[in-house]
Amino acid sequence: MTVFERADRPGGLLMYGIPNMKLDKQEVLLRRLNLMEREGIKFICNANVGDNVEPQIFLKEFSATVICTGATQPRNLPVEGRDLPGVHFAMEYLTANTKAVMAGKPEATRSTRATRMWS
């Protein structure tokens, strides 16, 4: 089995859509991903089908295909306060936060804009 992942790490919303305080990426998610790899699942990251992965590959190289997609374009709601400093789209913030934690830089999890709001 081969999983084509659009993000830089496998895991989808488990990796980038759930805050680290709610789901420990090292102890839970990475352990499971490593287990899946040992069982023979191949993960290809930074694979955006239709952009840097040709869709024809699925017809040529695989006997079955399952398509799982997720929305990456946030909805900018016209609500009061949306334009205030420190107000971010959830996935934008959660992805940056998780990348910082996974890189061993948890101090980088608060953006400059968010720090101004929380100070």
PDB file of N, CA and C in Angstrom:
ATOM      1  N   MET A   1       0.843  -1.170   0.000  1.00  0.00           N
ATOM      2  CA  MET A   1       0.000   0.000   0.000  1.00  0.00           C
ATOM      3  C   MET A   1       0.888   1.234   0.000  1.00  0.00           C
ATOM      4  N   THR A   2       0.483   2.217  -0.747  1.00  0.00           N
ATOM      5  CA  THR A   2       1.207   3.485  -0.803  1.00  0.00           C
ATOM      6  C   THR A   2       0.240   4.616  -0.480  1.00  0.00           C
ATOM      7  N   VAL A   3       0.648   5.498   0.412  1.00  0.00           N
ATOM      8  CA  VAL A   3      -0.149   6.656   0.785  1.00  0.00           C
ATOM      9  C   VAL A   3       0.556   7.894   0.245  1.00  0.00           C
ATOM     10  N   PHE A   4      -0.140   8.651  -0.585  1.00  0.00           N
ATOM     11  CA  PHE A   4       0.376   9.916  -1.095  1.00  0.00           C
ATOM     12  C   PHE A   4      -0.170  11.012  -0.191  1.00  0.00           C
ATOM     13  N   GLU A   5       0.725  11.717   0.477  1.00  0.00           N
ATOM     14  CA  GLU A   5       0.353  12.748   1.451  1.00  0.00           C
ATOM     15  C   GLU A   5       0.753  14.116   0.931  1.00  0.00           C
ATOM     16  N   ARG A   6      -0.187  15.026   0.889  1.00  0.00           N
ATOM     17  CA  ARG A   6       0.078  16.379   0.408  1.00  0.00           C
ATOM     18  C   ARG A   6       1.011  17.149   1.342  1.00  0.00           C
ATOM     19  N   ALA A   7       0.928  16.893   2.631  1.00  0.00           N
ATOM     20  CA  ALA A   7       1.741  17.621   3.619  1.00  0.00           C
ATOM     21  C   ALA A   7       3.163  17.054   3.681  1.00  0.00           C
ATOM     22  N   ASP A   8       4.003  17.706   4.480  1.00  0.00           N
ATOM     23  CA  ASP A   8       5.399  17.284   4.610  1.00  0.00           C
ATOM     24  C   ASP A   8       5.568  16.074   5.524  1.00  0.00           C
ATOM     25  N   ARG A   9       4.516  15.692   6.234  1.00  0.00           N
ATOM     26  CA  ARG A   9       4.532  14.512   7.110  1.00  0.00           C
ATOM     27  C   ARG A   9       3.215  13.771   6.939  1.00  0.00           C
ATOM     28  N   PRO A  10       3.239  12.452   7.073  1.00  0.00           N
ATOM     29  CA  PRO A  10       1.972  11.719   7.009  1.00  0.00           C
ATOM     30  C   PRO A  10       1.154  11.948   8.272  1.00  0.00           C
ATOM     31  N   GLY A  11      -0.113  11.683   8.180  1.00  0.00           N
ATOM     32  CA  GLY A  11      -0.974  11.780   9.353  1.00  0.00           C
ATOM     33  C   GLY A  11      -2.201  12.637   9.153  1.00  0.00           C
ATOM     34  N   GLY A  12      -2.234  13.437   8.098  1.00  0.00           N
ATOM     35  CA  GLY A  12      -3.415  14.248   7.823  1.00  0.00           C
ATOM     36  C   GLY A  12      -3.820  15.123   8.989  1.00  0.00           C
ATOM     37  N   LEU A  13      -5.114  15.126   9.274  1.00  0.00           N
ATOM     38  CA  LEU A  13      -5.626  15.961  10.364  1.00  0.00           C
ATOM     39  C   LEU A  13      -5.129  15.521  11.728  1.00  0.00           C
ATOM     40  N   LEU A  14      -4.778  14.248  11.874  1.00  0.00           N
ATOM     41  CA  LEU A  14      -4.214  13.819  13.158  1.00  0.00           C
ATOM     42  C   LEU A  14      -2.901  14.538  13.424  1.00  0.00           C
ATOM     43  N   MET A  15      -2.108  14.756  12.362  1.00  0.00           N
ATOM     44  CA  MET A  15      -0.822  15.432  12.539  1.00  0.00           C
ATOM     45  C   MET A  15      -1.004  16.937  12.697  1.00  0.00           C
ATOM     46  N   TYR A  16      -1.753  17.550  11.815  1.00  0.00           N
ATOM     47  CA  TYR A  16      -1.793  19.014  11.790  1.00  0.00           C
ATOM     48  C   TYR A  16      -3.109  19.643  12.227  1.00  0.00           C
ATOM     49  N   GLY A  17      -4.148  18.869  12.426  1.00  0.00           N
ATOM     50  CA  GLY A  17      -5.439  19.462  12.764  1.00  0.00           C
ATOM     51  C   GLY A  17      -5.832  19.347  14.225  1.00  0.00           C
ATOM     52  N   ILE A  18      -5.042  18.609  14.997  1.00  0.00           N
ATOM     53  CA  ILE A  18      -5.335  18.437  16.420  1.00  0.00           C
ATOM     54  C   ILE A  18      -4.183  19.050  17.213  1.00  0.00           C
ATOM     55  N   PRO A  19      -4.477  19.913  18.169  1.00  0.00           N
ATOM     56  CA  PRO A  19      -3.394  20.527  18.959  1.00  0.00           C
ATOM     57  C   PRO A  19      -2.542  19.473  19.654  1.00  0.00           C
ATOM     58  N   ASN A  20      -1.262  19.770  19.791  1.00  0.00           N
ATOM     59  CA  ASN A  20      -0.323  18.843  20.411  1.00  0.00           C
ATOM     60  C   ASN A  20      -0.709  18.481  21.836  1.00  0.00           C
ATOM     61  N   MET A  21      -1.340  19.407  22.545  1.00  0.00           N
ATOM     62  CA  MET A  21      -1.738  19.118  23.928  1.00  0.00           C
ATOM     63  C   MET A  21      -2.869  18.091  23.977  1.00  0.00           C
ATOM     64  N   LYS A  22      -3.599  17.926  22.873  1.00  0.00           N
ATOM     65  CA  LYS A  22      -4.697  16.961  22.818  1.00  0.00           C
ATOM     66  C   LYS A  22      -4.258  15.605  22.270  1.00  0.00           C
ATOM     67  N   LEU A  23      -3.225  15.582  21.423  1.00  0.00           N
ATOM     68  CA  LEU A  23      -2.735  14.343  20.839  1.00  0.00           C
ATOM     69  C   LEU A  23      -1.218  14.439  20.736  1.00  0.00           C
ATOM     70  N   ASP A  24      -0.524  13.677  21.542  1.00  0.00           N
ATOM     71  CA  ASP A  24       0.936  13.679  21.539  1.00  0.00           C
ATOM     72  C   ASP A  24       1.438  13.042  20.256  1.00  0.00           C
ATOM     73  N   LYS A  25       2.041  13.839  19.421  1.00  0.00           N
ATOM     74  CA  LYS A  25       2.490  13.363  18.106  1.00  0.00           C
ATOM     75  C   LYS A  25       3.617  12.342  18.227  1.00  0.00           C
ATOM     76  N   GLN A  26       4.546  12.530  19.156  1.00  0.00           N
ATOM     77  CA  GLN A  26       5.676  11.618  19.312  1.00  0.00           C
ATOM     78  C   GLN A  26       5.221  10.273  19.870  1.00  0.00           C
ATOM     79  N   GLU A  27       4.461  10.301  20.951  1.00  0.00           N
ATOM     80  CA  GLU A  27       4.106   9.077  21.664  1.00  0.00           C
ATOM     81  C   GLU A  27       2.983   8.285  20.999  1.00  0.00           C
ATOM     82  N   VAL A  28       2.105   8.950  20.296  1.00  0.00           N
ATOM     83  CA  VAL A  28       0.955   8.251  19.722  1.00  0.00           C
ATOM     84  C   VAL A  28       1.052   8.171  18.209  1.00  0.00           C
ATOM     85  N   LEU A  29       1.033   9.300  17.557  1.00  0.00           N
ATOM     86  CA  LEU A  29       0.931   9.315  16.100  1.00  0.00           C
ATOM     87  C   LEU A  29       2.176   8.764  15.411  1.00  0.00           C
ATOM     88  N   LEU A  30       3.350   9.245  15.770  1.00  0.00           N
ATOM     89  CA  LEU A  30       4.569   8.758  15.118  1.00  0.00           C
ATOM     90  C   LEU A  30       4.811   7.278  15.403  1.00  0.00           C
ATOM     91  N   ARG A  31       4.459   6.838  16.588  1.00  0.00           N
ATOM     92  CA  ARG A  31       4.601   5.416  16.917  1.00  0.00           C
ATOM     93  C   ARG A  31       3.742   4.575  15.984  1.00  0.00           C
ATOM     94  N   ARG A  32       2.512   5.019  15.735  1.00  0.00           N
ATOM     95  CA  ARG A  32       1.607   4.287  14.835  1.00  0.00           C
ATOM     96  C   ARG A  32       2.083   4.357  13.385  1.00  0.00           C
ATOM     97  N   LEU A  33       2.551   5.515  12.964  1.00  0.00           N
ATOM     98  CA  LEU A  33       3.056   5.643  11.594  1.00  0.00           C
ATOM     99  C   LEU A  33       4.272   4.750  11.383  1.00  0.00           C
ATOM    100  N   ASN A  34       5.160   4.692  12.366  1.00  0.00           N
ATOM    101  CA  ASN A  34       6.334   3.814  12.274  1.00  0.00           C
ATOM    102  C   ASN A  34       5.909   2.346  12.197  1.00  0.00           C
ATOM    103  N   LEU A  35       4.907   1.977  12.967  1.00  0.00           N
ATOM    104  CA  LEU A  35       4.391   0.614  12.925  1.00  0.00           C
ATOM    105  C   LEU A  35       3.843   0.294  11.528  1.00  0.00           C
ATOM    106  N   MET A  36       3.088   1.230  10.961  1.00  0.00           N
ATOM    107  CA  MET A  36       2.542   1.016   9.619  1.00  0.00           C
ATOM    108  C   MET A  36       3.654   0.866   8.583  1.00  0.00           C
ATOM    109  N   GLU A  37       4.708   1.662   8.707  1.00  0.00           N
ATOM    110  CA  GLU A  37       5.841   1.548   7.788  1.00  0.00           C
ATOM    111  C   GLU A  37       6.521   0.191   7.923  1.00  0.00           C
ATOM    112  N   ARG A  38       6.685  -0.282   9.153  1.00  0.00           N
ATOM    113  CA  ARG A  38       7.290  -1.601   9.360  1.00  0.00           C
ATOM    114  C   ARG A  38       6.420  -2.712   8.784  1.00  0.00           C
ATOM    115  N   GLU A  39       5.124  -2.485   8.723  1.00  0.00           N
ATOM    116  CA  GLU A  39       4.201  -3.462   8.151  1.00  0.00           C
ATOM    117  C   GLU A  39       4.164  -3.387   6.622  1.00  0.00           C
ATOM    118  N   GLY A  40       4.876  -2.407   6.043  1.00  0.00           N
ATOM    119  CA  GLY A  40       4.987  -2.336   4.587  1.00  0.00           C
ATOM    120  C   GLY A  40       4.284  -1.190   3.905  1.00  0.00           C
ATOM    121  N   ILE A  41       3.627  -0.326   4.650  1.00  0.00           N
ATOM    122  CA  ILE A  41       2.973   0.824   4.029  1.00  0.00           C
ATOM    123  C   ILE A  41       4.022   1.864   3.693  1.00  0.00           C
ATOM    124  N   LYS A  42       3.969   2.369   2.477  1.00  0.00           N
ATOM    125  CA  LYS A  42       4.920   3.385   2.013  1.00  0.00           C
ATOM    126  C   LYS A  42       4.214   4.736   2.011  1.00  0.00           C
ATOM    127  N   PHE A  43       4.852   5.723   2.629  1.00  0.00           N
ATOM    128  CA  PHE A  43       4.305   7.078   2.662  1.00  0.00           C
ATOM    129  C   PHE A  43       5.139   7.965   1.734  1.00  0.00           C
ATOM    130  N   ILE A  44       4.471   8.645   0.831  1.00  0.00           N
ATOM    131  CA  ILE A  44       5.133   9.602  -0.052  1.00  0.00           C
ATOM    132  C   ILE A  44       4.578  10.972   0.302  1.00  0.00           C
ATOM    133  N   CYS A  45       5.414  11.789   0.930  1.00  0.00           N
ATOM    134  CA  CYS A  45       4.970  13.111   1.392  1.00  0.00           C
ATOM    135  C   CYS A  45       5.251  14.185   0.348  1.00  0.00           C
ATOM    136  N   ASN A  46       4.668  15.349   0.565  1.00  0.00           N
ATOM    137  CA  ASN A  46       4.758  16.471  -0.374  1.00  0.00           C
ATOM    138  C   ASN A  46       4.271  16.054  -1.757  1.00  0.00           C
ATOM    139  N   ALA A  47       3.261  15.184  -1.789  1.00  0.00           N
ATOM    140  CA  ALA A  47       2.716  14.660  -3.039  1.00  0.00           C
ATOM    141  C   ALA A  47       1.336  15.263  -3.259  1.00  0.00           C
ATOM    142  N   ASN A  48       1.270  16.243  -4.113  1.00  0.00           N
ATOM    143  CA  ASN A  48       0.014  16.920  -4.413  1.00  0.00           C
ATOM    144  C   ASN A  48      -0.467  16.428  -5.775  1.00  0.00           C
ATOM    145  N   VAL A  49      -1.418  15.510  -5.758  1.00  0.00           N
ATOM    146  CA  VAL A  49      -1.897  14.884  -6.991  1.00  0.00           C
ATOM    147  C   VAL A  49      -2.491  15.954  -7.911  1.00  0.00           C
ATOM    148  N   GLY A  50      -2.037  15.926  -9.148  1.00  0.00           N
ATOM    149  CA  GLY A  50      -2.464  16.923 -10.119  1.00  0.00           C
ATOM    150  C   GLY A  50      -1.502  18.086 -10.215  1.00  0.00           C
ATOM    151  N   ASP A  51      -0.618  18.194  -9.236  1.00  0.00           N
ATOM    152  CA  ASP A  51       0.390  19.254  -9.235  1.00  0.00           C
ATOM    153  C   ASP A  51       1.761  18.634  -9.493  1.00  0.00           C
ATOM    154  N   ASN A  52       2.315  17.933  -8.513  1.00  0.00           N
ATOM    155  CA  ASN A  52       3.620  17.297  -8.703  1.00  0.00           C
ATOM    156  C   ASN A  52       3.528  15.766  -8.765  1.00  0.00           C
ATOM    157  N   VAL A  53       2.300  15.240  -8.757  1.00  0.00           N
ATOM    158  CA  VAL A  53       2.060  13.808  -8.968  1.00  0.00           C
ATOM    159  C   VAL A  53       1.013  13.689 -10.067  1.00  0.00           C
ATOM    160  N   GLU A  54       1.366  12.989 -11.137  1.00  0.00           N
ATOM    161  CA  GLU A  54       0.438  12.813 -12.253  1.00  0.00           C
ATOM    162  C   GLU A  54      -0.655  11.818 -11.885  1.00  0.00           C
ATOM    163  N   PRO A  55      -1.917  12.155 -12.081  1.00  0.00           N
ATOM    164  CA  PRO A  55      -3.010  11.241 -11.730  1.00  0.00           C
ATOM    165  C   PRO A  55      -2.944   9.893 -12.465  1.00  0.00           C
ATOM    166  N   GLN A  56      -2.344   9.864 -13.645  1.00  0.00           N
ATOM    167  CA  GLN A  56      -2.269   8.622 -14.421  1.00  0.00           C
ATOM    168  C   GLN A  56      -1.479   7.530 -13.696  1.00  0.00           C
ATOM    169  N   ILE A  57      -0.641   7.906 -12.747  1.00  0.00           N
ATOM    170  CA  ILE A  57       0.151   6.923 -12.014  1.00  0.00           C
ATOM    171  C   ILE A  57      -0.744   5.902 -11.319  1.00  0.00           C
ATOM    172  N   PHE A  58      -1.939   6.316 -10.904  1.00  0.00           N
ATOM    173  CA  PHE A  58      -2.834   5.423 -10.179  1.00  0.00           C
ATOM    174  C   PHE A  58      -3.412   4.345 -11.086  1.00  0.00           C
ATOM    175  N   LEU A  59      -3.628   4.679 -12.346  1.00  0.00           N
ATOM    176  CA  LEU A  59      -4.108   3.682 -13.305  1.00  0.00           C
ATOM    177  C   LEU A  59      -2.995   2.741 -13.735  1.00  0.00           C
ATOM    178  N   LYS A  60      -1.789   3.250 -13.842  1.00  0.00           N
ATOM    179  CA  LYS A  60      -0.662   2.463 -14.348  1.00  0.00           C
ATOM    180  C   LYS A  60      -0.039   1.558 -13.289  1.00  0.00           C
ATOM    181  N   GLU A  61       0.081   2.027 -12.057  1.00  0.00           N
ATOM    182  CA  GLU A  61       0.886   1.327 -11.059  1.00  0.00           C
ATOM    183  C   GLU A  61       0.115   0.687  -9.904  1.00  0.00           C
ATOM    184  N   PHE A  62      -1.183   0.941  -9.804  1.00  0.00           N
ATOM    185  CA  PHE A  62      -1.942   0.420  -8.671  1.00  0.00           C
ATOM    186  C   PHE A  62      -3.191  -0.304  -9.158  1.00  0.00           C
ATOM    187  N   SER A  63      -3.566  -1.360  -8.442  1.00  0.00           N
ATOM    188  CA  SER A  63      -4.760  -2.121  -8.822  1.00  0.00           C
ATOM    189  C   SER A  63      -6.035  -1.530  -8.223  1.00  0.00           C
ATOM    190  N   ALA A  64      -5.904  -0.722  -7.204  1.00  0.00           N
ATOM    191  CA  ALA A  64      -7.052  -0.067  -6.580  1.00  0.00           C
ATOM    192  C   ALA A  64      -6.597   1.290  -6.038  1.00  0.00           C
ATOM    193  N   THR A  65      -7.530   2.216  -5.990  1.00  0.00           N
ATOM    194  CA  THR A  65      -7.221   3.560  -5.496  1.00  0.00           C
ATOM    195  C   THR A  65      -8.353   4.036  -4.594  1.00  0.00           C
ATOM    196  N   VAL A  66      -7.993   4.593  -3.459  1.00  0.00           N
ATOM    197  CA  VAL A  66      -8.946   5.233  -2.571  1.00  0.00           C
ATOM    198  C   VAL A  66      -8.546   6.695  -2.504  1.00  0.00           C
ATOM    199  N   ILE A  67      -9.491   7.571  -2.732  1.00  0.00           N
ATOM    200  CA  ILE A  67      -9.195   9.005  -2.713  1.00  0.00           C
ATOM    201  C   ILE A  67      -9.775   9.608  -1.436  1.00  0.00           C
ATOM    202  N   CYS A  68      -8.906  10.187  -0.630  1.00  0.00           N
ATOM    203  CA  CYS A  68      -9.308  10.857   0.602  1.00  0.00           C
ATOM    204  C   CYS A  68      -8.796  12.285   0.509  1.00  0.00           C
ATOM    205  N   THR A  69      -9.669  13.226   0.648  1.00  0.00           N
ATOM    206  CA  THR A  69      -9.264  14.619   0.494  1.00  0.00           C
ATOM    207  C   THR A  69      -9.633  15.429   1.728  1.00  0.00           C
ATOM    208  N   GLY A  70      -8.986  16.549   1.845  1.00  0.00           N
ATOM    209  CA  GLY A  70      -9.295  17.467   2.923  1.00  0.00           C
ATOM    210  C   GLY A  70      -9.223  18.892   2.391  1.00  0.00           C
ATOM    211  N   ALA A  71      -9.982  19.761   2.981  1.00  0.00           N
ATOM    212  CA  ALA A  71     -10.000  21.150   2.557  1.00  0.00           C
ATOM    213  C   ALA A  71      -8.805  21.885   3.138  1.00  0.00           C
ATOM    214  N   THR A  72      -8.112  22.625   2.313  1.00  0.00           N
ATOM    215  CA  THR A  72      -6.985  23.417   2.797  1.00  0.00           C
ATOM    216  C   THR A  72      -7.241  24.915   2.644  1.00  0.00           C
ATOM    217  N   GLN A  73      -8.310  25.261   1.992  1.00  0.00           N
ATOM    218  CA  GLN A  73      -8.640  26.679   1.802  1.00  0.00           C
ATOM    219  C   GLN A  73      -9.592  27.104   2.917  1.00  0.00           C
ATOM    220  N   PRO A  74      -9.127  27.970   3.833  1.00  0.00           N
ATOM    221  CA  PRO A  74     -10.011  28.378   4.934  1.00  0.00           C
ATOM    222  C   PRO A  74     -11.124  29.300   4.442  1.00  0.00           C
ATOM    223  N   ARG A  75     -12.182  29.349   5.208  1.00  0.00           N
ATOM    224  CA  ARG A  75     -13.291  30.246   4.905  1.00  0.00           C
ATOM    225  C   ARG A  75     -13.127  31.504   5.741  1.00  0.00           C
ATOM    226  N   ASN A  76     -13.012  32.625   5.103  1.00  0.00           N
ATOM    227  CA  ASN A  76     -12.835  33.887   5.809  1.00  0.00           C
ATOM    228  C   ASN A  76     -14.213  34.455   6.137  1.00  0.00           C
ATOM    229  N   LEU A  77     -14.671  34.206   7.339  1.00  0.00           N
ATOM    230  CA  LEU A  77     -16.008  34.630   7.728  1.00  0.00           C
ATOM    231  C   LEU A  77     -16.042  36.132   8.040  1.00  0.00           C
ATOM    232  N   PRO A  78     -17.067  36.807   7.601  1.00  0.00           N
ATOM    233  CA  PRO A  78     -17.197  38.240   7.884  1.00  0.00           C
ATOM    234  C   PRO A  78     -17.781  38.470   9.277  1.00  0.00           C
ATOM    235  N   VAL A  79     -16.969  38.206  10.306  1.00  0.00           N
ATOM    236  CA  VAL A  79     -17.429  38.377  11.678  1.00  0.00           C
ATOM    237  C   VAL A  79     -16.631  39.488  12.351  1.00  0.00           C
ATOM    238  N   GLU A  80     -17.244  40.096  13.327  1.00  0.00           N
ATOM    239  CA  GLU A  80     -16.596  41.172  14.060  1.00  0.00           C
ATOM    240  C   GLU A  80     -15.315  40.666  14.720  1.00  0.00           C
ATOM    241  N   GLY A  81     -14.227  41.388  14.515  1.00  0.00           N
ATOM    242  CA  GLY A  81     -12.953  41.051  15.131  1.00  0.00           C
ATOM    243  C   GLY A  81     -12.069  40.160  14.278  1.00  0.00           C
ATOM    244  N   ARG A  82     -12.572  39.677  13.139  1.00  0.00           N
ATOM    245  CA  ARG A  82     -11.787  38.773  12.293  1.00  0.00           C
ATOM    246  C   ARG A  82     -10.464  39.407  11.850  1.00  0.00           C
ATOM    247  N   ASP A  83     -10.434  40.709  11.680  1.00  0.00           N
ATOM    248  CA  ASP A  83      -9.239  41.396  11.185  1.00  0.00           C
ATOM    249  C   ASP A  83      -8.306  41.867  12.313  1.00  0.00           C
ATOM    250  N   LEU A  84      -8.597  41.521  13.544  1.00  0.00           N
ATOM    251  CA  LEU A  84      -7.745  41.939  14.660  1.00  0.00           C
ATOM    252  C   LEU A  84      -6.416  41.186  14.649  1.00  0.00           C
ATOM    253  N   PRO A  85      -5.364  41.815  15.164  1.00  0.00           N
ATOM    254  CA  PRO A  85      -4.080  41.110  15.274  1.00  0.00           C
ATOM    255  C   PRO A  85      -4.220  39.875  16.143  1.00  0.00           C
ATOM    256  N   GLY A  86      -3.579  38.804  15.734  1.00  0.00           N
ATOM    257  CA  GLY A  86      -3.607  37.579  16.514  1.00  0.00           C
ATOM    258  C   GLY A  86      -4.742  36.637  16.183  1.00  0.00           C
ATOM    259  N   VAL A  87      -5.639  37.035  15.289  1.00  0.00           N
ATOM    260  CA  VAL A  87      -6.725  36.154  14.869  1.00  0.00           C
ATOM    261  C   VAL A  87      -6.253  35.411  13.626  1.00  0.00           C
ATOM    262  N   HIS A  88      -6.182  34.082  13.738  1.00  0.00           N
ATOM    263  CA  HIS A  88      -5.649  33.245  12.660  1.00  0.00           C
ATOM    264  C   HIS A  88      -6.677  32.196  12.252  1.00  0.00           C
ATOM    265  N   PHE A  89      -6.533  31.687  11.054  1.00  0.00           N
ATOM    266  CA  PHE A  89      -7.304  30.516  10.658  1.00  0.00           C
ATOM    267  C   PHE A  89      -6.755  29.336  11.455  1.00  0.00           C
ATOM    268  N   ALA A  90      -7.630  28.444  11.875  1.00  0.00           N
ATOM    269  CA  ALA A  90      -7.231  27.343  12.750  1.00  0.00           C
ATOM    270  C   ALA A  90      -6.127  26.488  12.136  1.00  0.00           C
ATOM    271  N   MET A  91      -6.289  26.044  10.909  1.00  0.00           N
ATOM    272  CA  MET A  91      -5.292  25.150  10.316  1.00  0.00           C
ATOM    273  C   MET A  91      -3.962  25.853  10.088  1.00  0.00           C
ATOM    274  N   GLU A  92      -4.010  27.137   9.763  1.00  0.00           N
ATOM    275  CA  GLU A  92      -2.774  27.917   9.602  1.00  0.00           C
ATOM    276  C   GLU A  92      -1.983  27.907  10.906  1.00  0.00           C
ATOM    277  N   TYR A  93      -2.681  28.169  12.001  1.00  0.00           N
ATOM    278  CA  TYR A  93      -2.033  28.207  13.315  1.00  0.00           C
ATOM    279  C   TYR A  93      -1.599  26.812  13.765  1.00  0.00           C
ATOM    280  N   LEU A  94      -2.499  25.828  13.670  1.00  0.00           N
ATOM    281  CA  LEU A  94      -2.187  24.483  14.148  1.00  0.00           C
ATOM    282  C   LEU A  94      -1.035  23.854  13.371  1.00  0.00           C
ATOM    283  N   THR A  95      -0.981  24.078  12.064  1.00  0.00           N
ATOM    284  CA  THR A  95       0.106  23.524  11.263  1.00  0.00           C
ATOM    285  C   THR A  95       1.438  24.137  11.675  1.00  0.00           C
ATOM    286  N   ALA A  96       1.489  25.466  11.809  1.00  0.00           N
ATOM    287  CA  ALA A  96       2.732  26.128  12.227  1.00  0.00           C
ATOM    288  C   ALA A  96       3.144  25.672  13.623  1.00  0.00           C
ATOM    289  N   ASN A  97       2.178  25.539  14.514  1.00  0.00           N
ATOM    290  CA  ASN A  97       2.444  25.102  15.881  1.00  0.00           C
ATOM    291  C   ASN A  97       3.034  23.696  15.897  1.00  0.00           C
ATOM    292  N   THR A  98       2.405  22.773  15.181  1.00  0.00           N
ATOM    293  CA  THR A  98       2.878  21.385  15.167  1.00  0.00           C
ATOM    294  C   THR A  98       4.254  21.285  14.526  1.00  0.00           C
ATOM    295  N   LYS A  99       4.493  22.007  13.442  1.00  0.00           N
ATOM    296  CA  LYS A  99       5.812  21.977  12.803  1.00  0.00           C
ATOM    297  C   LYS A  99       6.886  22.461  13.771  1.00  0.00           C
ATOM    298  N   ALA A 100       6.590  23.492  14.542  1.00  0.00           N
ATOM    299  CA  ALA A 100       7.563  24.004  15.513  1.00  0.00           C
ATOM    300  C   ALA A 100       7.837  22.968  16.598  1.00  0.00           C
ATOM    301  N   VAL A 101       6.791  22.345  17.114  1.00  0.00           N
ATOM    302  CA  VAL A 101       6.968  21.338  18.163  1.00  0.00           C
ATOM    303  C   VAL A 101       7.747  20.141  17.623  1.00  0.00           C
ATOM    304  N   MET A 102       7.419  19.691  16.420  1.00  0.00           N
ATOM    305  CA  MET A 102       8.101  18.531  15.832  1.00  0.00           C
ATOM    306  C   MET A 102       9.569  18.840  15.542  1.00  0.00           C
ATOM    307  N   ALA A 103       9.880  20.107  15.312  1.00  0.00           N
ATOM    308  CA  ALA A 103      11.271  20.514  15.071  1.00  0.00           C
ATOM    309  C   ALA A 103      12.018  20.763  16.374  1.00  0.00           C
ATOM    310  N   GLY A 104      11.337  20.554  17.511  1.00  0.00           N
ATOM    311  CA  GLY A 104      11.983  20.759  18.803  1.00  0.00           C
ATOM    312  C   GLY A 104      12.079  22.216  19.197  1.00  0.00           C
ATOM    313  N   LYS A 105      11.205  23.039  18.654  1.00  0.00           N
ATOM    314  CA  LYS A 105      11.215  24.470  18.952  1.00  0.00           C
ATOM    315  C   LYS A 105       9.849  24.912  19.478  1.00  0.00           C
ATOM    316  N   PRO A 106       9.413  24.389  20.602  1.00  0.00           N
ATOM    317  CA  PRO A 106       8.089  24.767  21.098  1.00  0.00           C
ATOM    318  C   PRO A 106       7.971  26.247  21.422  1.00  0.00           C
ATOM    319  N   GLU A 107       9.107  26.911  21.639  1.00  0.00           N
ATOM    320  CA  GLU A 107       9.038  28.358  21.912  1.00  0.00           C
ATOM    321  C   GLU A 107       8.589  29.131  20.679  1.00  0.00           C
ATOM    322  N   ALA A 108       8.656  28.515  19.516  1.00  0.00           N
ATOM    323  CA  ALA A 108       8.249  29.178  18.277  1.00  0.00           C
ATOM    324  C   ALA A 108       6.772  28.985  17.987  1.00  0.00           C
ATOM    325  N   THR A 109       6.038  28.374  18.892  1.00  0.00           N
ATOM    326  CA  THR A 109       4.644  28.062  18.610  1.00  0.00           C
ATOM    327  C   THR A 109       3.725  29.263  18.685  1.00  0.00           C
ATOM    328  N   ARG A 110       4.162  30.313  19.306  1.00  0.00           N
ATOM    329  CA  ARG A 110       3.324  31.519  19.367  1.00  0.00           C
ATOM    330  C   ARG A 110       3.849  32.528  18.363  1.00  0.00           C
ATOM    331  N   SER A 111       3.027  32.818  17.392  1.00  0.00           N
ATOM    332  CA  SER A 111       3.461  33.758  16.359  1.00  0.00           C
ATOM    333  C   SER A 111       3.602  35.154  16.949  1.00  0.00           C
ATOM    334  N   THR A 112       4.296  36.009  16.235  1.00  0.00           N
ATOM    335  CA  THR A 112       4.476  37.388  16.684  1.00  0.00           C
ATOM    336  C   THR A 112       3.123  38.072  16.829  1.00  0.00           C
ATOM    337  N   ARG A 113       2.234  37.838  15.861  1.00  0.00           N
ATOM    338  CA  ARG A 113       0.903  38.460  15.931  1.00  0.00           C
ATOM    339  C   ARG A 113       0.140  37.949  17.139  1.00  0.00           C
ATOM    340  N   ALA A 114       0.213  36.648  17.396  1.00  0.00           N
ATOM    341  CA  ALA A 114      -0.524  36.082  18.522  1.00  0.00           C
ATOM    342  C   ALA A 114       0.089  36.558  19.854  1.00  0.00           C
ATOM    343  N   THR A 115       1.398  36.684  19.913  1.00  0.00           N
ATOM    344  CA  THR A 115       2.053  37.125  21.137  1.00  0.00           C
ATOM    345  C   THR A 115       1.579  38.526  21.526  1.00  0.00           C
ATOM    346  N   ARG A 116       1.421  39.420  20.538  1.00  0.00           N
ATOM    347  CA  ARG A 116       0.936  40.768  20.832  1.00  0.00           C
ATOM    348  C   ARG A 116      -0.442  40.724  21.459  1.00  0.00           C
ATOM    349  N   MET A 117      -1.283  39.811  20.964  1.00  0.00           N
ATOM    350  CA  MET A 117      -2.632  39.732  21.482  1.00  0.00           C
ATOM    351  C   MET A 117      -2.636  39.164  22.904  1.00  0.00           C
ATOM    352  N   TRP A 118      -1.789  38.168  23.191  1.00  0.00           N
ATOM    353  CA  TRP A 118      -1.798  37.512  24.491  1.00  0.00           C
ATOM    354  C   TRP A 118      -0.997  38.261  25.545  1.00  0.00           C
ATOM    355  N   SER A 119      -0.205  39.220  25.148  1.00  0.00           N
ATOM    356  CA  SER A 119       0.656  39.929  26.109  1.00  0.00           C
ATOM    357  C   SER A 119      -0.134  40.902  26.944  1.00  0.00           C
TER     358      SER A 119
END
